[in-house]
Structure formats: structure tokens, C-alpha cells
Amino acid sequence: MKSKTVAYVLWFFLGWLSLHRFYVNKVPTAIIYLITGQLFGIGWIIDLFLIPSMVNKWNLKKEIEIRSRF
């Protein structure tokens, strides 16, 4: 399970490297954000509000994968 706290710490300190997006496996958008400077800084602010849903989706996806194994 991924943590929202960890995602926010990555966003705050290393957001310019898009590590918070890599953390929740949003690799294509993480690369785009990295190349464009977080969409010229706007993406960094938008992610402040998107992080909870990104982490929730990751956790839900993993929970479904785990339950489908049984």
C-alpha cells in the first residue's frame, strides 16, 4: 500500500523531479512533467489536489490484484 504522506513528502521536496508521480506508477505523465518543468510549474500546484486520488487508485488497483489471486 502506498502512503499519501510519502507522496506529499516526495511532491514537496522532489516534485520538480516528478518522483511523486513515479511513486504511484504514473510513469508517462511523470516523464511529461519532468520534461516540461511540471508543466511550467502549474502541474506541481495541481498535483497538490490530485495526490490523494492517485494514491487511492494505486491502492485500489493493488487490492483488486491481491484479491483476484485467491
C-alpha atoms as a PDB file:
ATOM      1  CA  MET A   1       0.000   0.000   0.000  1.00  0.00           C
ATOM      2  CA  LYS A   2       1.223   3.431  -0.912  1.00  0.00           C
ATOM      3  CA  SER A   3       1.091   6.273   1.586  1.00  0.00           C
ATOM      4  CA  LYS A   4      -0.339   9.732   0.949  1.00  0.00           C
ATOM      5  CA  THR A   5       2.179  11.128   3.419  1.00  0.00           C
ATOM      6  CA  VAL A   6       5.104   9.725   1.460  1.00  0.00           C
ATOM      7  CA  ALA A   7       3.589  11.005  -1.782  1.00  0.00           C
ATOM      8  CA  TYR A   8       3.231  14.501  -0.320  1.00  0.00           C
ATOM      9  CA  VAL A   9       6.797  14.476   1.019  1.00  0.00           C
ATOM     10  CA  LEU A  10       8.060  13.459  -2.426  1.00  0.00           C
ATOM     11  CA  TRP A  11       5.863  16.131  -4.007  1.00  0.00           C
ATOM     12  CA  PHE A  12       7.088  18.867  -1.670  1.00  0.00           C
ATOM     13  CA  PHE A  13      10.820  18.118  -1.683  1.00  0.00           C
ATOM     14  CA  LEU A  14      11.362  16.358  -5.020  1.00  0.00           C
ATOM     15  CA  GLY A  15       8.321  17.354  -7.025  1.00  0.00           C
ATOM     16  CA  TRP A  16      10.472  19.033  -9.624  1.00  0.00           C
ATOM     17  CA  LEU A  17      11.742  15.512 -10.467  1.00  0.00           C
ATOM     18  CA  SER A  18       8.179  14.132 -10.584  1.00  0.00           C
ATOM     19  CA  LEU A  19       9.063  11.494  -8.007  1.00  0.00           C
ATOM     20  CA  HIS A  20       5.579  11.622  -6.512  1.00  0.00           C
ATOM     21  CA  ARG A  21       4.157  10.545  -9.883  1.00  0.00           C
ATOM     22  CA  PHE A  22       6.758   7.802 -10.297  1.00  0.00           C
ATOM     23  CA  TYR A  23       5.857   6.658  -6.759  1.00  0.00           C
ATOM     24  CA  VAL A  24       2.250   5.944  -7.802  1.00  0.00           C
ATOM     25  CA  ASN A  25       3.335   4.466 -11.146  1.00  0.00           C
ATOM     26  CA  LYS A  26       2.152   7.361 -13.311  1.00  0.00           C
ATOM     27  CA  VAL A  27       5.268   6.990 -15.457  1.00  0.00           C
ATOM     28  CA  PRO A  28       4.057   8.562 -18.736  1.00  0.00           C
ATOM     29  CA  THR A  29       2.797  11.726 -17.036  1.00  0.00           C
ATOM     30  CA  ALA A  30       5.813  11.777 -14.734  1.00  0.00           C
ATOM     31  CA  ILE A  31       8.094  11.912 -17.761  1.00  0.00           C
ATOM     32  CA  ILE A  32       5.992  14.640 -19.374  1.00  0.00           C
ATOM     33  CA  TYR A  33       6.026  16.634 -16.134  1.00  0.00           C
ATOM     34  CA  LEU A  34       9.784  16.139 -15.815  1.00  0.00           C
ATOM     35  CA  ILE A  35      10.492  17.315 -19.359  1.00  0.00           C
ATOM     36  CA  THR A  36       8.167  20.346 -19.173  1.00  0.00           C
ATOM     37  CA  GLY A  37       9.202  21.537 -15.722  1.00  0.00           C
ATOM     38  CA  GLN A  38       5.998  20.337 -14.063  1.00  0.00           C
ATOM     39  CA  LEU A  39       4.012  21.838 -16.933  1.00  0.00           C
ATOM     40  CA  PHE A  40       5.781  25.133 -16.275  1.00  0.00           C
ATOM     41  CA  GLY A  41       5.026  24.964 -12.544  1.00  0.00           C
ATOM     42  CA  ILE A  42       1.265  24.670 -12.852  1.00  0.00           C
ATOM     43  CA  GLY A  43       1.310  20.868 -12.679  1.00  0.00           C
ATOM     44  CA  TRP A  44       3.094  20.976  -9.347  1.00  0.00           C
ATOM     45  CA  ILE A  45       0.243  23.000  -7.841  1.00  0.00           C
ATOM     46  CA  ILE A  46      -2.436  20.830  -9.467  1.00  0.00           C
ATOM     47  CA  ASP A  47      -0.815  17.701  -8.024  1.00  0.00           C
ATOM     48  CA  LEU A  48      -1.339  19.111  -4.547  1.00  0.00           C
ATOM     49  CA  PHE A  49      -5.008  18.252  -5.040  1.00  0.00           C
ATOM     50  CA  LEU A  50      -4.560  15.123  -7.194  1.00  0.00           C
ATOM     51  CA  ILE A  51      -2.211  13.173  -4.918  1.00  0.00           C
ATOM     52  CA  PRO A  52      -4.970  11.674  -2.719  1.00  0.00           C
ATOM     53  CA  SER A  53      -6.841  10.268  -5.707  1.00  0.00           C
ATOM     54  CA  MET A  54      -3.642   8.984  -7.350  1.00  0.00           C
ATOM     55  CA  VAL A  55      -2.674   7.117  -4.175  1.00  0.00           C
ATOM     56  CA  ASN A  56      -6.225   5.799  -3.666  1.00  0.00           C
ATOM     57  CA  LYS A  57      -6.351   4.477  -7.241  1.00  0.00           C
ATOM     58  CA  TRP A  58      -2.970   2.776  -6.830  1.00  0.00           C
ATOM     59  CA  ASN A  59      -4.044   1.150  -3.563  1.00  0.00           C
ATOM     60  CA  LEU A  60      -7.382   0.040  -5.006  1.00  0.00           C
ATOM     61  CA  LYS A  61      -5.671  -1.465  -8.048  1.00  0.00           C
ATOM     62  CA  LYS A  62      -3.258  -3.424  -5.868  1.00  0.00           C
ATOM     63  CA  GLU A  63      -6.062  -4.585  -3.563  1.00  0.00           C
ATOM     64  CA  ILE A  64      -8.010  -5.903  -6.564  1.00  0.00           C
ATOM     65  CA  GLU A  65      -4.905  -7.704  -7.837  1.00  0.00           C
ATOM     66  CA  ILE A  66      -4.333  -9.318  -4.446  1.00  0.00           C
ATOM     67  CA  ARG A  67      -7.964 -10.409  -4.078  1.00  0.00           C
ATOM     68  CA  SER A  68      -8.080 -11.827  -7.597  1.00  0.00           C
ATOM     69  CA  ARG A  69      -5.217 -14.190  -6.749  1.00  0.00           C
ATOM     70  CA  PHE A  70      -7.364 -16.064  -4.249  1.00  0.00           C
END
